C-alpha atoms as a PDB file:
ATOM      1  CA  MET A   1       0.000   0.000   0.000  1.00  0.00           C
ATOM      2  CA  CYS A   2       1.001   3.642  -0.436  1.00  0.00           C
ATOM      3  CA  ARG A   3       0.795   6.868   1.538  1.00  0.00           C
ATOM      4  CA  LEU A   4      -0.635  10.121   0.252  1.00  0.00           C
ATOM      5  CA  LEU A   5      -1.124  13.743   1.281  1.00  0.00           C
ATOM      6  CA  ALA A   6      -2.943  16.734  -0.234  1.00  0.00           C
ATOM      7  CA  TRP A   7      -3.417  20.393   0.655  1.00  0.00           C
ATOM      8  CA  GLN A   8      -6.039  22.913  -0.450  1.00  0.00           C
ATOM      9  CA  GLY A   9      -5.920  26.429   0.969  1.00  0.00           C
ATOM     10  CA  SER A  10      -3.576  29.386   1.235  1.00  0.00           C
ATOM     11  CA  PRO A  11      -0.225  28.977  -0.527  1.00  0.00           C
ATOM     12  CA  ARG A  12       2.255  26.974   1.549  1.00  0.00           C
ATOM     13  CA  TYR A  13       5.703  25.615   0.876  1.00  0.00           C
ATOM     14  CA  LEU A  14       5.561  21.919   0.012  1.00  0.00           C
ATOM     15  CA  GLU A  15       8.261  21.328   2.610  1.00  0.00           C
ATOM     16  CA  ASP A  16       5.888  22.390   5.404  1.00  0.00           C
ATOM     17  CA  LEU A  17       3.859  19.187   4.992  1.00  0.00           C
ATOM     18  CA  VAL A  18       6.064  16.820   2.992  1.00  0.00           C
ATOM     19  CA  PHE A  19       9.148  17.116   5.252  1.00  0.00           C
ATOM     20  CA  VAL A  20       8.646  19.201   8.392  1.00  0.00           C
ATOM     21  CA  PRO A  21       5.923  17.542  10.570  1.00  0.00           C
ATOM     22  CA  GLU A  22       6.900  14.844  13.046  1.00  0.00           C
ATOM     23  CA  HIS A  23       5.069  12.272  10.933  1.00  0.00           C
ATOM     24  CA  SER A  24       5.492  13.947   7.557  1.00  0.00           C
ATOM     25  CA  LEU A  25       4.905  12.152   4.276  1.00  0.00           C
ATOM     26  CA  VAL A  26       8.632  11.495   3.927  1.00  0.00           C
ATOM     27  CA  HIS A  27       8.675  10.074   7.457  1.00  0.00           C
ATOM     28  CA  GLN A  28       5.723   7.865   6.501  1.00  0.00           C
ATOM     29  CA  SER A  29       7.690   6.571   3.525  1.00  0.00           C
ATOM     30  CA  ARG A  30      10.014   4.857   6.028  1.00  0.00           C
ATOM     31  CA  HIS A  31       7.821   4.496   9.122  1.00  0.00           C
ATOM     32  CA  ALA A  32       4.160   4.220   8.128  1.00  0.00           C
ATOM     33  CA  LEU A  33       2.030   3.351  11.153  1.00  0.00           C
ATOM     34  CA  ILE A  34      -1.446   2.622   9.747  1.00  0.00           C
ATOM     35  CA  CYS A  35      -0.329   0.466   6.863  1.00  0.00           C
ATOM     36  CA  LYS A  36       0.231  -3.165   5.920  1.00  0.00           C
ATOM     37  CA  THR A  37       3.874  -2.407   5.175  1.00  0.00           C
ATOM     38  CA  PRO A  38       5.807   0.381   6.931  1.00  0.00           C
ATOM     39  CA  ILE A  39       8.144   1.016   3.970  1.00  0.00           C
ATOM     40  CA  ASN A  40       6.976   2.898   0.871  1.00  0.00           C
ATOM     41  CA  ALA A  41      10.115   3.040  -1.243  1.00  0.00           C
ATOM     42  CA  ASP A  42       8.933   2.299  -4.805  1.00  0.00           C
ATOM     43  CA  GLY A  43       8.940   5.907  -5.951  1.00  0.00           C
ATOM     44  CA  PHE A  44       7.248   9.190  -5.111  1.00  0.00           C
ATOM     45  CA  GLY A  45       5.505  12.045  -6.833  1.00  0.00           C
ATOM     46  CA  LEU A  46       4.139  15.576  -6.553  1.00  0.00           C
ATOM     47  CA  ALA A  47       1.469  17.407  -8.533  1.00  0.00           C
ATOM     48  CA  TRP A  48       0.964  21.104  -7.819  1.00  0.00           C
ATOM     49  CA  TYR A  49      -0.965  23.968  -9.344  1.00  0.00           C
ATOM     50  CA  SER A  50       0.213  27.517  -9.997  1.00  0.00           C
ATOM     51  CA  GLU A  51      -0.731  30.043 -12.688  1.00  0.00           C
ATOM     52  CA  ARG A  52      -1.368  27.492 -15.425  1.00  0.00           C
ATOM     53  CA  ALA A  53      -4.450  25.259 -15.594  1.00  0.00           C
ATOM     54  CA  GLU A  54      -2.466  22.022 -15.815  1.00  0.00           C
ATOM     55  CA  PRO A  55      -0.584  20.694 -12.782  1.00  0.00           C
ATOM     56  CA  CYS A  56       3.183  20.459 -12.692  1.00  0.00           C
ATOM     57  CA  LEU A  57       4.462  16.938 -11.993  1.00  0.00           C
ATOM     58  CA  TYR A  58       7.673  15.803 -10.364  1.00  0.00           C
ATOM     59  CA  LYS A  59       8.079  12.038 -10.009  1.00  0.00           C
ATOM     60  CA  ASP A  60      10.888   9.544  -9.684  1.00  0.00           C
ATOM     61  CA  THR A  61      11.574   5.961  -8.678  1.00  0.00           C
ATOM     62  CA  HIS A  62      13.922   6.778  -5.785  1.00  0.00           C
ATOM     63  CA  PRO A  63      12.689   6.472  -2.212  1.00  0.00           C
ATOM     64  CA  ALA A  64      11.392   9.876  -1.148  1.00  0.00           C
ATOM     65  CA  TRP A  65      13.872  10.148   1.716  1.00  0.00           C
ATOM     66  CA  SER A  66      16.905   9.779  -0.573  1.00  0.00           C
ATOM     67  CA  ASP A  67      16.108  12.281  -3.335  1.00  0.00           C
ATOM     68  CA  PRO A  68      17.918  15.620  -2.777  1.00  0.00           C
ATOM     69  CA  ASN A  69      15.978  17.266  -5.619  1.00  0.00           C
ATOM     70  CA  LEU A  70      12.706  16.549  -3.828  1.00  0.00           C
ATOM     71  CA  ALA A  71      14.015  18.289  -0.727  1.00  0.00           C
ATOM     72  CA  GLN A  72      15.180  21.328  -2.711  1.00  0.00           C
ATOM     73  CA  LEU A  73      12.024  21.612  -4.782  1.00  0.00           C
ATOM     74  CA  SER A  74       9.807  21.272  -1.705  1.00  0.00           C
ATOM     75  CA  ARG A  75      11.743  23.965   0.131  1.00  0.00           C
ATOM     76  CA  HIS A  76      11.353  26.540  -2.663  1.00  0.00           C
ATOM     77  CA  THR A  77       7.905  25.782  -4.129  1.00  0.00           C
ATOM     78  CA  LYS A  78       4.793  27.426  -2.670  1.00  0.00           C
ATOM     79  CA  THR A  79       1.280  26.529  -3.801  1.00  0.00           C
ATOM     80  CA  GLY A  80      -2.312  26.578  -2.614  1.00  0.00           C
ATOM     81  CA  LEU A  81      -3.150  23.107  -3.956  1.00  0.00           C
ATOM     82  CA  PHE A  82      -0.944  20.067  -4.260  1.00  0.00           C
ATOM     83  CA  LEU A  83      -0.986  16.273  -4.149  1.00  0.00           C
ATOM     84  CA  ALA A  84       1.948  14.174  -2.879  1.00  0.00           C
ATOM     85  CA  HIS A  85       2.413  10.397  -2.874  1.00  0.00           C
ATOM     86  CA  VAL A  86       4.917   7.739  -1.821  1.00  0.00           C
ATOM     87  CA  ARG A  87       4.508   4.338  -3.452  1.00  0.00           C
ATOM     88  CA  ALA A  88       4.616   0.728  -2.325  1.00  0.00           C
ATOM     89  CA  SER A  89       3.962  -1.345  -5.433  1.00  0.00           C
ATOM     90  CA  THR A  90       1.297  -4.068  -5.331  1.00  0.00           C
ATOM     91  CA  GLY A  91       2.835  -5.869  -8.297  1.00  0.00           C
ATOM     92  CA  THR A  92       3.454  -3.520 -11.213  1.00  0.00           C
ATOM     93  CA  ALA A  93       6.931  -2.352 -12.161  1.00  0.00           C
ATOM     94  CA  VAL A  94       8.866   0.296 -10.295  1.00  0.00           C
ATOM     95  CA  SER A  95       9.001   2.944 -13.006  1.00  0.00           C
ATOM     96  CA  ARG A  96       8.418   6.666 -13.291  1.00  0.00           C
ATOM     97  CA  ASN A  97       5.263   6.141 -15.334  1.00  0.00           C
ATOM     98  CA  ASN A  98       3.786   4.032 -12.542  1.00  0.00           C
ATOM     99  CA  CYS A  99       4.462   6.656  -9.865  1.00  0.00           C
ATOM    100  CA  HIS A 100       1.554   8.769  -8.679  1.00  0.00           C
ATOM    101  CA  PRO A 101       0.079  11.353  -9.077  1.00  0.00           C
ATOM    102  CA  PHE A 102      -1.187  10.944 -12.634  1.00  0.00           C
ATOM    103  CA  ALA A 103      -2.363  13.906 -14.689  1.00  0.00           C
ATOM    104  CA  CYS A 104      -4.480  14.532 -17.774  1.00  0.00           C
ATOM    105  CA  GLY A 105      -5.399  18.078 -18.745  1.00  0.00           C
ATOM    106  CA  ARG A 106      -6.256  20.035 -15.600  1.00  0.00           C
ATOM    107  CA  TRP A 107      -6.926  16.884 -13.543  1.00  0.00           C
ATOM    108  CA  SER A 108      -4.539  15.095 -11.201  1.00  0.00           C
ATOM    109  CA  PHE A 109      -5.159  11.845  -9.316  1.00  0.00           C
ATOM    110  CA  MET A 110      -3.407   9.580  -6.798  1.00  0.00           C
ATOM    111  CA  HIS A 111      -4.472   6.304  -5.228  1.00  0.00           C
ATOM    112  CA  ASN A 112      -3.677   4.045  -2.299  1.00  0.00           C
ATOM    113  CA  GLY A 113      -5.028   0.520  -2.757  1.00  0.00           C
ATOM    114  CA  GLN A 114      -5.476  -2.142  -5.401  1.00  0.00           C
ATOM    115  CA  ALA A 115      -7.824  -4.105  -7.635  1.00  0.00           C
ATOM    116  CA  GLY A 116      -6.995  -7.732  -6.919  1.00  0.00           C
ATOM    117  CA  GLY A 117      -5.387  -9.664  -9.777  1.00  0.00           C
ATOM    118  CA  HIS A 118      -5.634  -6.752 -12.184  1.00  0.00           C
ATOM    119  CA  MET A 119      -2.918  -8.138 -14.462  1.00  0.00           C
ATOM    120  CA  GLN A 120      -5.344 -10.974 -15.257  1.00  0.00           C
ATOM    121  CA  PHE A 121      -7.842  -8.506 -16.723  1.00  0.00           C
ATOM    122  CA  ARG A 122      -5.544  -5.733 -17.875  1.00  0.00           C
ATOM    123  CA  LYS A 123      -6.748  -5.943 -21.485  1.00  0.00           C
ATOM    124  CA  GLN A 124     -10.397  -5.517 -20.432  1.00  0.00           C
ATOM    125  CA  LEU A 125      -9.319  -2.699 -18.120  1.00  0.00           C
ATOM    126  CA  ASP A 126      -7.620  -0.802 -20.934  1.00  0.00           C
ATOM    127  CA  MET A 127     -10.669  -1.239 -23.147  1.00  0.00           C
ATOM    128  CA  LEU A 128     -12.683   0.857 -20.675  1.00  0.00           C
ATOM    129  CA  ILE A 129     -10.426   3.870 -21.363  1.00  0.00           C
ATOM    130  CA  PRO A 130     -11.848   6.072 -24.164  1.00  0.00           C
ATOM    131  CA  ASP A 131      -9.810   6.126 -27.376  1.00  0.00           C
ATOM    132  CA  GLN A 132      -9.442   9.916 -27.327  1.00  0.00           C
ATOM    133  CA  ILE A 133      -7.494   9.880 -24.048  1.00  0.00           C
ATOM    134  CA  TYR A 134      -5.786   6.498 -24.322  1.00  0.00           C
ATOM    135  CA  ASP A 135      -2.500   8.169 -25.243  1.00  0.00           C
ATOM    136  CA  SER A 136      -2.441   9.439 -21.639  1.00  0.00           C
ATOM    137  CA  ARG A 137      -2.088   5.814 -20.453  1.00  0.00           C
ATOM    138  CA  LEU A 138       1.668   5.902 -19.794  1.00  0.00           C
ATOM    139  CA  GLY A 139       2.037   3.216 -17.113  1.00  0.00           C
ATOM    140  CA  GLY A 140       0.574  -0.166 -16.249  1.00  0.00           C
ATOM    141  CA  THR A 141      -1.222   0.360 -12.938  1.00  0.00           C
ATOM    142  CA  GLU A 142      -4.910  -0.108 -12.244  1.00  0.00           C
ATOM    143  CA  SER A 143      -4.734   3.244 -10.424  1.00  0.00           C
ATOM    144  CA  GLU A 144      -3.986   5.147 -13.624  1.00  0.00           C
ATOM    145  CA  ALA A 145      -6.696   3.168 -15.419  1.00  0.00           C
ATOM    146  CA  ILE A 146      -9.317   4.110 -12.804  1.00  0.00           C
ATOM    147  CA  PHE A 147      -8.394   7.771 -13.308  1.00  0.00           C
ATOM    148  CA  LEU A 148      -8.652   7.648 -17.098  1.00  0.00           C
ATOM    149  CA  ILE A 149     -11.857   5.612 -17.009  1.00  0.00           C
ATOM    150  CA  ALA A 150     -13.351   8.252 -14.692  1.00  0.00           C
ATOM    151  CA  LEU A 151     -12.370  10.976 -17.156  1.00  0.00           C
ATOM    152  CA  GLY A 152     -14.304   9.116 -19.825  1.00  0.00           C
ATOM    153  CA  LEU A 153     -17.311   8.770 -17.528  1.00  0.00           C
ATOM    154  CA  GLY A 154     -17.657  12.510 -17.010  1.00  0.00           C
ATOM    155  CA  LEU A 155     -15.158  13.569 -14.358  1.00  0.00           C
ATOM    156  CA  ASP A 156     -15.591  17.200 -15.423  1.00  0.00           C
ATOM    157  CA  ARG A 157     -19.371  17.066 -14.868  1.00  0.00           C
ATOM    158  CA  ASP A 158     -19.500  14.852 -11.772  1.00  0.00           C
ATOM    159  CA  PRO A 159     -16.136  14.526  -9.995  1.00  0.00           C
ATOM    160  CA  ILE A 160     -17.460  12.150  -7.313  1.00  0.00           C
ATOM    161  CA  GLY A 161     -19.916  10.117  -9.365  1.00  0.00           C
ATOM    162  CA  ALA A 162     -17.500   9.491 -12.250  1.00  0.00           C
ATOM    163  CA  VAL A 163     -14.806   8.124  -9.940  1.00  0.00           C
ATOM    164  CA  ALA A 164     -17.383   5.990  -8.112  1.00  0.00           C
ATOM    165  CA  MET A 165     -18.564   4.505 -11.422  1.00  0.00           C
ATOM    166  CA  ALA A 166     -14.976   3.819 -12.489  1.00  0.00           C
ATOM    167  CA  VAL A 167     -14.264   2.052  -9.183  1.00  0.00           C
ATOM    168  CA  GLN A 168     -17.426  -0.038  -9.614  1.00  0.00           C
ATOM    169  CA  GLN A 169     -16.452  -1.075 -13.130  1.00  0.00           C
ATOM    170  CA  VAL A 170     -12.929  -2.061 -12.131  1.00  0.00           C
ATOM    171  CA  GLU A 171     -14.185  -3.922  -9.062  1.00  0.00           C
ATOM    172  CA  ALA A 172     -16.611  -5.856 -11.305  1.00  0.00           C
ATOM    173  CA  LEU A 173     -13.697  -6.932 -13.530  1.00  0.00           C
ATOM    174  CA  SER A 174     -11.759  -8.097 -10.483  1.00  0.00           C
ATOM    175  CA  ARG A 175     -14.746 -10.104  -9.261  1.00  0.00           C
ATOM    176  CA  SER A 176     -15.147 -11.811 -12.638  1.00  0.00           C
ATOM    177  CA  SER A 177     -11.515 -12.337 -13.629  1.00  0.00           C
ATOM    178  CA  GLY A 178      -9.231 -11.274 -10.783  1.00  0.00           C
ATOM    179  CA  SER A 179      -8.611 -12.186  -7.180  1.00  0.00           C
ATOM    180  CA  LEU A 180      -9.038 -10.875  -3.648  1.00  0.00           C
ATOM    181  CA  PRO A 181      -9.100  -8.114  -2.551  1.00  0.00           C
ATOM    182  CA  HIS A 182     -11.370  -6.986  -5.370  1.00  0.00           C
ATOM    183  CA  MET A 183     -11.107  -3.287  -4.531  1.00  0.00           C
ATOM    184  CA  ARG A 184      -9.349  -1.174  -1.961  1.00  0.00           C
ATOM    185  CA  PHE A 185      -9.536   2.508  -2.677  1.00  0.00           C
ATOM    186  CA  GLY A 186      -8.207   5.541  -0.872  1.00  0.00           C
ATOM    187  CA  ALA A 187      -7.658   8.423  -3.274  1.00  0.00           C
ATOM    188  CA  CYS A 188      -7.382  12.159  -3.852  1.00  0.00           C
ATOM    189  CA  TRP A 189      -7.962  14.050  -7.084  1.00  0.00           C
ATOM    190  CA  SER A 190      -8.204  17.676  -8.154  1.00  0.00           C
ATOM    191  CA  ASP A 191      -9.147  19.988 -11.017  1.00  0.00           C
ATOM    192  CA  GLY A 192      -6.858  22.748  -9.769  1.00  0.00           C
ATOM    193  CA  ALA A 193      -9.589  24.570  -7.869  1.00  0.00           C
ATOM    194  CA  ARG A 194     -11.224  21.875  -5.762  1.00  0.00           C
ATOM    195  CA  LEU A 195      -9.828  18.855  -3.964  1.00  0.00           C
ATOM    196  CA  PHE A 196     -11.692  15.549  -3.765  1.00  0.00           C
ATOM    197  CA  ALA A 197     -10.995  12.397  -1.761  1.00  0.00           C
ATOM    198  CA  ALA A 198     -12.713   9.080  -1.114  1.00  0.00           C
ATOM    199  CA  ARG A 199     -12.361   5.927   0.967  1.00  0.00           C
ATOM    200  CA  TYR A 200     -13.858   2.564   0.003  1.00  0.00           C
ATOM    201  CA  ALA A 201     -13.182  -1.189  -0.022  1.00  0.00           C
ATOM    202  CA  SER A 202     -14.989  -4.301  -1.184  1.00  0.00           C
ATOM    203  CA  ASP A 203     -14.056  -5.867   2.166  1.00  0.00           C
ATOM    204  CA  ARG A 204     -13.566  -4.491   5.674  1.00  0.00           C
ATOM    205  CA  HIS A 205     -10.090  -3.132   5.021  1.00  0.00           C
ATOM    206  CA  ALA A 206     -10.509   0.258   3.391  1.00  0.00           C
ATOM    207  CA  PRO A 207      -7.215   2.208   3.169  1.00  0.00           C
ATOM    208  CA  SER A 208      -6.870   4.777   5.942  1.00  0.00           C
ATOM    209  CA  LEU A 209      -7.788   8.387   5.190  1.00  0.00           C
ATOM    210  CA  TYR A 210      -7.935  11.466   7.451  1.00  0.00           C
ATOM    211  CA  TYR A 211      -8.380  15.207   7.132  1.00  0.00           C
ATOM    212  CA  ARG A 212      -7.726  18.237   9.299  1.00  0.00           C
ATOM    213  CA  CYS A 213      -9.060  21.776   8.961  1.00  0.00           C
ATOM    214  CA  TYR A 214      -6.899  24.834   9.625  1.00  0.00           C
ATOM    215  CA  GLU A 215      -7.785  28.500   9.431  1.00  0.00           C
ATOM    216  CA  ASP A 216      -6.041  28.718   6.070  1.00  0.00           C
ATOM    217  CA  GLY A 217      -6.863  25.368   4.497  1.00  0.00           C
ATOM    218  CA  VAL A 218      -7.405  21.615   4.701  1.00  0.00           C
ATOM    219  CA  ILE A 219      -5.019  18.652   4.739  1.00  0.00           C
ATOM    220  CA  VAL A 220      -6.026  15.182   3.545  1.00  0.00           C
ATOM    221  CA  THR A 221      -3.637  12.360   4.368  1.00  0.00           C
ATOM    222  CA  SER A 222      -3.325   8.615   4.840  1.00  0.00           C
ATOM    223  CA  GLU A 223      -2.067   9.149   8.388  1.00  0.00           C
ATOM    224  CA  PRO A 224      -2.168  12.090  10.825  1.00  0.00           C
ATOM    225  CA  LEU A 225       0.974  14.187  10.575  1.00  0.00           C
ATOM    226  CA  ASP A 226       1.279  14.672  14.338  1.00  0.00           C
ATOM    227  CA  SER A 227       0.137  13.250  17.668  1.00  0.00           C
ATOM    228  CA  GLN A 228      -2.772  15.695  18.094  1.00  0.00           C
ATOM    229  CA  THR A 229      -5.229  12.906  17.353  1.00  0.00           C
ATOM    230  CA  ASP A 230      -8.333  14.901  18.382  1.00  0.00           C
ATOM    231  CA  ASP A 231      -7.689  17.381  15.563  1.00  0.00           C
ATOM    232  CA  TRP A 232      -7.833  14.766  12.803  1.00  0.00           C
ATOM    233  CA  VAL A 233     -11.099  13.445  11.364  1.00  0.00           C
ATOM    234  CA  GLU A 234     -11.179   9.897  10.010  1.00  0.00           C
ATOM    235  CA  VAL A 235     -13.056   9.535   6.744  1.00  0.00           C
ATOM    236  CA  GLN A 236     -15.447   6.601   7.070  1.00  0.00           C
ATOM    237  CA  PRO A 237     -15.540   3.888   4.381  1.00  0.00           C
ATOM    238  CA  GLY A 238     -18.093   4.641   1.720  1.00  0.00           C
ATOM    239  CA  TYR A 239     -17.686   8.414   1.927  1.00  0.00           C
ATOM    240  CA  ALA A 240     -16.036  11.092  -0.169  1.00  0.00           C
ATOM    241  CA  LEU A 241     -14.854  14.645   0.509  1.00  0.00           C
ATOM    242  CA  ILE A 242     -15.385  17.796  -1.513  1.00  0.00           C
ATOM    243  CA  ILE A 243     -12.977  20.534  -0.398  1.00  0.00           C
ATOM    244  CA  GLU A 244     -13.268  24.051  -1.733  1.00  0.00           C
ATOM    245  CA  GLY A 245     -12.371  27.386  -0.203  1.00  0.00           C
ATOM    246  CA  GLY A 246     -11.314  25.742   3.061  1.00  0.00           C
ATOM    247  CA  ALA A 247     -14.726  24.095   3.566  1.00  0.00           C
ATOM    248  CA  VAL A 248     -15.190  20.317   3.708  1.00  0.00           C
ATOM    249  CA  GLN A 249     -18.335  18.526   2.582  1.00  0.00           C
ATOM    250  CA  GLU A 250     -18.736  14.787   3.227  1.00  0.00           C
ATOM    251  CA  VAL A 251     -20.931  12.906   0.735  1.00  0.00           C
ATOM    252  CA  PRO A 252     -21.712   9.216   0.118  1.00  0.00           C
ATOM    253  CA  PHE A 253     -19.338   7.426  -2.235  1.00  0.00           C
ATOM    254  CA  LEU A 254     -19.892   3.672  -2.478  1.00  0.00           C
ATOM    255  CA  PRO A 255     -21.386   2.229   0.720  1.00  0.00           C
ATOM    256  CA  ARG A 256     -20.183  -1.281   1.442  1.00  0.00           C
END
């Protein structure tokens, strides 16, 4: 499993959340606490928004803690909306194209979880991606496929419903041709103005997901960044978040 973190609010240096907190994302890459495996060393990635509509991506296959460019970039980049991810592969290759976040147009997406046995139905999975955006399929993960399938299902019109439908379709393929667990899904995605997140699983083991509200914005993360546990809200399985202008709305996603 992976670890993820996102911020929507007033501009902040990436370093403030990716490196500085006692249980920062980089710390989680070596010492995850609410995770099947404590080490997430199969690559990392950032997607952040500035003056342009499309996000800027920085990804690599190094462990997050050992990349000096990540530390420098995080120290000098300030943004009001970003996604960050550290990867623990569930079977696909360790490559830059398989590192999260993924981007297409103004949208960015990152995922923690898996669709069981997805290599057994990879051809059917790819066939669900519309032809007009298939050239954005750069890697081999089911995570990227879910994102692109959602784009084809109307992500621009219905950012929650399109992702929910994509998850349902991929879970159905796993049930018919894959293996357990059919779907575990903790994810964040953004159009550059709003931040969305969701937590779901086909079993009782939905990937962890929390958020915390500050005066100047909202953090979403796989694990709390500090020991102030009363300040963090756990997202319940089957629910999604819509975050805009520092306000958080919880809505149903896919009830188990």
